[in-house]
């Protein structure tokens, strides 16, 4: 578990400028291995309507999740911080931060 914490802390402080394809490939191997030890909850198994779910939002199989993120949309930069913004930007990998950064730049932000 300590290695996962260090890995997340590295992600939290890394801006995705010019990261190589090799970096993303290695990162994705680590993330897939971490995910293999977790349980994914498929939201389609819930009844139609409003459902209360208590658990890890990053482990939901869903089309979208809502995050009360910061105005830059880049996630939390505090290493190891246990906020939802940190988790949402850590578990999918730094590609999310890169894509959000590019999207915000396209909007002139």
C-alpha atoms as a PDB file:
ATOM      1  CA  UNK A   1       0.000   0.000   0.000  1.00  0.00           C
ATOM      2  CA  UNK A   2       2.886   2.364   0.673  1.00  0.00           C
ATOM      3  CA  UNK A   3       3.988   2.110  -2.963  1.00  0.00           C
ATOM      4  CA  UNK A   4       0.491   3.036  -4.148  1.00  0.00           C
ATOM      5  CA  UNK A   5       0.582   6.092  -1.888  1.00  0.00           C
ATOM      6  CA  UNK A   6       3.916   7.183  -3.316  1.00  0.00           C
ATOM      7  CA  UNK A   7       2.664   6.609  -6.850  1.00  0.00           C
ATOM      8  CA  UNK A   8      -0.448   8.737  -6.202  1.00  0.00           C
ATOM      9  CA  UNK A   9       1.676  11.481  -4.608  1.00  0.00           C
ATOM     10  CA  UNK A  10       3.873  11.553  -7.723  1.00  0.00           C
ATOM     11  CA  UNK A  11       0.775  11.860  -9.893  1.00  0.00           C
ATOM     12  CA  UNK A  12      -0.584  14.653  -7.670  1.00  0.00           C
ATOM     13  CA  UNK A  13       2.433  16.883  -8.198  1.00  0.00           C
ATOM     14  CA  UNK A  14       3.072  16.094 -11.883  1.00  0.00           C
ATOM     15  CA  UNK A  15       1.871  18.405 -14.618  1.00  0.00           C
ATOM     16  CA  UNK A  16       1.422  16.420 -17.841  1.00  0.00           C
ATOM     17  CA  UNK A  17       3.703  18.562 -19.972  1.00  0.00           C
ATOM     18  CA  UNK A  18       5.550  16.503 -22.573  1.00  0.00           C
ATOM     19  CA  UNK A  19       5.188  13.135 -20.844  1.00  0.00           C
ATOM     20  CA  UNK A  20       6.332  10.356 -23.131  1.00  0.00           C
ATOM     21  CA  UNK A  21       4.270   7.498 -24.521  1.00  0.00           C
ATOM     22  CA  UNK A  22       6.607   5.204 -22.565  1.00  0.00           C
ATOM     23  CA  UNK A  23       5.652   6.987 -19.328  1.00  0.00           C
ATOM     24  CA  UNK A  24       1.937   6.555 -20.053  1.00  0.00           C
ATOM     25  CA  UNK A  25       2.427   2.884 -20.941  1.00  0.00           C
ATOM     26  CA  UNK A  26       4.273   2.198 -17.671  1.00  0.00           C
ATOM     27  CA  UNK A  27       1.781   4.242 -15.674  1.00  0.00           C
ATOM     28  CA  UNK A  28      -1.118   2.352 -17.246  1.00  0.00           C
ATOM     29  CA  UNK A  29       0.455  -1.018 -16.328  1.00  0.00           C
ATOM     30  CA  UNK A  30       0.700   0.113 -12.702  1.00  0.00           C
ATOM     31  CA  UNK A  31      -2.882   1.412 -12.713  1.00  0.00           C
ATOM     32  CA  UNK A  32      -4.250  -1.801 -14.291  1.00  0.00           C
ATOM     33  CA  UNK A  33      -2.470  -3.863 -11.645  1.00  0.00           C
ATOM     34  CA  UNK A  34      -3.917  -1.685  -8.873  1.00  0.00           C
ATOM     35  CA  UNK A  35      -7.388  -1.923 -10.418  1.00  0.00           C
ATOM     36  CA  UNK A  36      -7.172  -5.718 -10.650  1.00  0.00           C
ATOM     37  CA  UNK A  37      -7.323  -5.832  -6.841  1.00  0.00           C
ATOM     38  CA  UNK A  38     -10.508  -3.750  -6.634  1.00  0.00           C
ATOM     39  CA  UNK A  39     -14.211  -4.328  -7.288  1.00  0.00           C
ATOM     40  CA  UNK A  40     -16.018  -2.282  -9.952  1.00  0.00           C
ATOM     41  CA  UNK A  41     -19.697  -1.474  -9.299  1.00  0.00           C
ATOM     42  CA  UNK A  42     -21.831  -1.380 -12.447  1.00  0.00           C
ATOM     43  CA  UNK A  43     -24.487   1.302 -11.949  1.00  0.00           C
ATOM     44  CA  UNK A  44     -26.742  -0.312 -14.570  1.00  0.00           C
ATOM     45  CA  UNK A  45     -27.642  -2.953 -11.979  1.00  0.00           C
ATOM     46  CA  UNK A  46     -29.461  -0.326  -9.925  1.00  0.00           C
ATOM     47  CA  UNK A  47     -33.163   0.373 -10.444  1.00  0.00           C
ATOM     48  CA  UNK A  48     -34.228   3.373 -12.489  1.00  0.00           C
ATOM     49  CA  UNK A  49     -34.573   6.545 -10.488  1.00  0.00           C
ATOM     50  CA  UNK A  50     -32.459   7.895  -7.691  1.00  0.00           C
ATOM     51  CA  UNK A  51     -30.124   5.512  -5.920  1.00  0.00           C
ATOM     52  CA  UNK A  52     -28.012   6.188  -2.868  1.00  0.00           C
ATOM     53  CA  UNK A  53     -24.543   4.687  -3.229  1.00  0.00           C
ATOM     54  CA  UNK A  54     -21.950   4.627  -0.484  1.00  0.00           C
ATOM     55  CA  UNK A  55     -18.521   3.711  -1.739  1.00  0.00           C
ATOM     56  CA  UNK A  56     -15.627   4.742  -3.925  1.00  0.00           C
ATOM     57  CA  UNK A  57     -16.863   6.919  -6.792  1.00  0.00           C
ATOM     58  CA  UNK A  58     -13.758   6.037  -8.809  1.00  0.00           C
ATOM     59  CA  UNK A  59     -14.863   2.395  -8.885  1.00  0.00           C
ATOM     60  CA  UNK A  60     -18.253   3.049 -10.504  1.00  0.00           C
ATOM     61  CA  UNK A  61     -18.819   1.810 -14.025  1.00  0.00           C
ATOM     62  CA  UNK A  62     -20.805   4.795 -15.267  1.00  0.00           C
ATOM     63  CA  UNK A  63     -20.993   7.141 -18.222  1.00  0.00           C
ATOM     64  CA  UNK A  64     -20.152  10.140 -16.040  1.00  0.00           C
ATOM     65  CA  UNK A  65     -19.508  11.244 -12.484  1.00  0.00           C
ATOM     66  CA  UNK A  66     -19.885  14.729 -11.028  1.00  0.00           C
ATOM     67  CA  UNK A  67     -17.009  16.421  -9.263  1.00  0.00           C
ATOM     68  CA  UNK A  68     -17.000  19.708  -7.408  1.00  0.00           C
ATOM     69  CA  UNK A  69     -13.516  20.336  -8.754  1.00  0.00           C
ATOM     70  CA  UNK A  70     -11.387  23.436  -8.809  1.00  0.00           C
ATOM     71  CA  UNK A  71     -11.781  26.115 -11.475  1.00  0.00           C
ATOM     72  CA  UNK A  72      -8.720  24.925 -13.431  1.00  0.00           C
ATOM     73  CA  UNK A  73     -10.243  21.420 -13.763  1.00  0.00           C
ATOM     74  CA  UNK A  74      -6.807  19.869 -13.186  1.00  0.00           C
ATOM     75  CA  UNK A  75      -7.413  18.099  -9.900  1.00  0.00           C
ATOM     76  CA  UNK A  76      -5.791  18.403  -6.533  1.00  0.00           C
ATOM     77  CA  UNK A  77      -2.035  18.996  -6.340  1.00  0.00           C
ATOM     78  CA  UNK A  78      -1.624  18.083  -2.656  1.00  0.00           C
ATOM     79  CA  UNK A  79       0.299  14.787  -2.464  1.00  0.00           C
ATOM     80  CA  UNK A  80      -1.733  12.057  -0.792  1.00  0.00           C
ATOM     81  CA  UNK A  81      -4.681  14.348  -0.035  1.00  0.00           C
ATOM     82  CA  UNK A  82      -7.815  12.255   0.403  1.00  0.00           C
ATOM     83  CA  UNK A  83     -10.236  14.577  -1.401  1.00  0.00           C
ATOM     84  CA  UNK A  84     -12.465  13.310  -4.196  1.00  0.00           C
ATOM     85  CA  UNK A  85     -10.798  15.635  -6.707  1.00  0.00           C
ATOM     86  CA  UNK A  86      -7.466  13.966  -5.939  1.00  0.00           C
ATOM     87  CA  UNK A  87      -8.907  10.471  -6.344  1.00  0.00           C
ATOM     88  CA  UNK A  88     -10.718  11.249  -9.594  1.00  0.00           C
ATOM     89  CA  UNK A  89      -7.538  12.637 -11.140  1.00  0.00           C
ATOM     90  CA  UNK A  90      -5.233   9.932  -9.760  1.00  0.00           C
ATOM     91  CA  UNK A  91      -6.945   6.674 -10.640  1.00  0.00           C
ATOM     92  CA  UNK A  92      -7.415   7.165 -14.398  1.00  0.00           C
ATOM     93  CA  UNK A  93      -3.844   8.397 -14.844  1.00  0.00           C
ATOM     94  CA  UNK A  94      -2.222  11.631 -15.867  1.00  0.00           C
ATOM     95  CA  UNK A  95      -3.874  11.475 -19.285  1.00  0.00           C
ATOM     96  CA  UNK A  96      -6.994  12.915 -17.627  1.00  0.00           C
ATOM     97  CA  UNK A  97      -5.044  15.906 -16.315  1.00  0.00           C
ATOM     98  CA  UNK A  98      -3.419  16.343 -19.751  1.00  0.00           C
ATOM     99  CA  UNK A  99      -6.773  16.179 -21.543  1.00  0.00           C
ATOM    100  CA  UNK A 100      -8.410  18.583 -19.075  1.00  0.00           C
ATOM    101  CA  UNK A 101      -5.487  20.991 -19.439  1.00  0.00           C
ATOM    102  CA  UNK A 102      -5.801  20.890 -23.230  1.00  0.00           C
ATOM    103  CA  UNK A 103      -9.572  21.361 -23.049  1.00  0.00           C
ATOM    104  CA  UNK A 104      -9.275  24.366 -20.741  1.00  0.00           C
ATOM    105  CA  UNK A 105      -6.613  25.885 -23.015  1.00  0.00           C
ATOM    106  CA  UNK A 106      -8.949  25.465 -25.988  1.00  0.00           C
ATOM    107  CA  UNK A 107     -11.584  27.399 -24.023  1.00  0.00           C
ATOM    108  CA  UNK A 108      -9.069  30.159 -23.340  1.00  0.00           C
ATOM    109  CA  UNK A 109      -8.813  29.392 -19.644  1.00  0.00           C
END
